[in-house]
Structures are given as C-alpha cells and as structure tokens.
Amino acid sequence: MGLKERIYSVLIVSSAEKLNTALVSMLPENRYEPIMFASNISAAKRLYADRSFDFVIINSPMPDGDGSRFAIDISSNPATVVLLLIRAEQYNDLYEKVSGCGVFTL
C-alpha cells in the first residue's frame, strides 16, 4: 500500500458564516476540494443526493432540525466520515443517538 496523496471532498452544513470561514481556513485547497456549503439540512440532502462526499461536517442545530437523522443516514456510506458539532447542553442526548452509527461528535 503506497502513500498516494488524495484530495478529499467536503460538505459543510452550517448556517453560521463565522464557523464556515474558520473551517475553510483549516482545509487547505491542495487536500480538500471541492468544499461545498449548505445552510440547512434540506439543502444538504439535495447536495448529497447529487454526489457523495468524503467528509460531511454538520453544525447543529440547524434551522430545520438538529441534523442527527441526516448524520445517521449518510454514515451508512462507508466512504463518508460524518462529524456532528453539538452544543454542550445537547451533547449527551445526541451522542447517545448517533455514536453507535459511526457518527463522530464534538
């Protein structure tokens, strides 16, 4: 197995522009491309239906839900890593719900 360099696709599901900007600054263009954005779960579902992504980062809560059901659904794809960013007061409940499905929580 070689150490072949790979470029990863990323979907960021967040309505917070400040967070979006911070995440993009941590994802160098030579390793992550394309980086696409969705401001709600419905838009993210449409983007994910058109193409799969290597990484999906969901900033919970969203205007149309907490994102846990979407995270669970896409985590069934073994080629996609899902990170669900959760507020501290919701962490225990959502962690219990999604961690068994392979969704990373922070």
Protein backbone atom coordinates (compact mmCIF):
# COMPACT_ATOMS: atom_id res chain seq x y z
CA MET A 1 0.00 0.00 0.00
CA GLY A 2 1.54 3.26 -1.12
CA LEU A 3 1.34 6.68 0.43
CA LYS A 4 -0.53 8.13 -2.51
CA GLU A 5 -1.77 11.66 -1.87
CA ARG A 6 -5.51 12.08 -2.10
CA ILE A 7 -7.86 15.04 -2.45
CA TYR A 8 -10.97 14.87 -0.28
CA SER A 9 -14.38 16.39 -0.91
CA VAL A 10 -16.12 18.18 1.96
CA LEU A 11 -19.71 19.22 2.64
CA ILE A 12 -20.14 21.76 5.44
CA VAL A 13 -23.72 22.02 6.70
CA SER A 14 -23.89 25.22 8.72
CA SER A 15 -25.79 28.47 8.77
CA ALA A 16 -23.01 30.22 10.74
CA GLU A 17 -20.76 32.16 8.35
CA LYS A 18 -18.11 32.66 11.01
CA LEU A 19 -17.77 28.90 11.52
CA ASN A 20 -17.75 28.27 7.76
CA THR A 21 -14.88 30.72 7.34
CA ALA A 22 -12.93 29.13 10.21
CA LEU A 23 -13.40 25.61 8.82
CA VAL A 24 -12.32 26.60 5.31
CA SER A 25 -9.16 28.19 6.70
CA MET A 26 -8.26 24.78 8.24
CA LEU A 27 -8.82 22.86 5.00
CA PRO A 28 -6.01 23.54 2.51
CA GLU A 29 -7.13 23.64 -1.13
CA ASN A 30 -4.46 21.21 -2.24
CA ARG A 31 -6.00 18.48 0.00
CA TYR A 32 -9.72 19.37 0.16
CA GLU A 33 -11.66 20.14 -2.99
CA PRO A 34 -14.44 20.81 -3.57
CA ILE A 35 -15.64 22.32 -0.32
CA MET A 36 -19.37 22.86 -0.63
CA PHE A 37 -21.80 24.52 1.77
CA ALA A 38 -25.42 24.02 2.73
CA SER A 39 -27.21 26.37 5.11
CA ASN A 40 -29.83 23.81 6.18
CA ILE A 41 -30.48 20.07 6.24
CA SER A 42 -32.81 20.13 3.22
CA ALA A 43 -30.16 21.78 1.04
CA ALA A 44 -27.55 19.31 2.34
CA LYS A 45 -29.76 16.36 1.39
CA ARG A 46 -30.10 17.72 -2.15
CA LEU A 47 -26.32 18.18 -2.49
CA TYR A 48 -25.61 14.74 -1.06
CA ALA A 49 -28.14 13.16 -3.44
CA ASP A 50 -26.21 14.63 -6.39
CA ARG A 51 -22.80 13.42 -5.22
CA SER A 52 -21.15 11.75 -2.27
CA PHE A 53 -18.58 13.47 -0.08
CA ASP A 54 -15.57 12.15 1.81
CA PHE A 55 -16.30 14.36 4.82
CA VAL A 56 -19.57 15.89 6.00
CA ILE A 57 -19.43 18.40 8.86
CA ILE A 58 -22.80 19.32 10.40
CA ASN A 59 -23.05 22.29 12.76
CA SER A 60 -26.07 21.51 14.96
CA PRO A 61 -28.70 22.81 15.46
CA MET A 62 -29.86 23.86 12.02
CA PRO A 63 -32.98 25.89 11.14
CA ASP A 64 -34.74 22.68 10.06
CA GLY A 65 -33.54 20.23 12.74
CA ASP A 66 -30.61 19.02 14.78
CA GLY A 67 -29.06 17.11 11.87
CA SER A 68 -28.86 13.80 13.71
CA ARG A 69 -31.15 11.88 11.32
CA PHE A 70 -29.21 13.18 8.30
CA ALA A 71 -25.91 12.28 10.00
CA ILE A 72 -27.12 8.74 10.71
CA ASP A 73 -28.44 8.29 7.17
CA ILE A 74 -25.22 9.31 5.44
CA SER A 75 -22.96 7.49 7.91
CA SER A 76 -24.21 4.24 6.35
CA ASN A 77 -21.99 5.10 3.36
CA PRO A 78 -18.59 3.60 4.28
CA ALA A 79 -16.81 6.18 2.09
CA THR A 80 -18.17 9.15 4.10
CA VAL A 81 -16.95 10.37 7.51
CA VAL A 82 -19.54 12.41 9.42
CA LEU A 83 -18.74 14.94 12.15
CA LEU A 84 -21.65 16.40 14.11
CA LEU A 85 -20.82 19.59 16.04
CA ILE A 86 -23.19 19.79 19.02
CA ARG A 87 -23.91 22.40 21.69
CA ALA A 88 -22.84 21.34 25.18
CA GLU A 89 -26.39 21.19 26.54
CA GLN A 90 -27.45 18.78 23.76
CA TYR A 91 -24.28 16.71 23.65
CA ASN A 92 -25.28 13.74 25.85
CA ASP A 93 -28.65 13.18 24.15
CA LEU A 94 -27.33 13.45 20.58
CA TYR A 95 -24.16 11.50 21.33
CA GLU A 96 -26.27 8.57 22.56
CA LYS A 97 -28.39 8.78 19.42
CA VAL A 98 -25.65 8.94 16.75
CA SER A 99 -22.41 7.45 18.09
CA GLY A 100 -23.49 3.85 17.60
CA CYS A 101 -23.96 4.58 13.90
CA GLY A 102 -20.38 5.76 13.44
CA VAL A 103 -21.03 9.50 13.59
CA PHE A 104 -18.23 11.46 15.27
CA THR A 105 -19.40 14.12 17.74
CA LEU A 106 -17.67 17.21 19.05
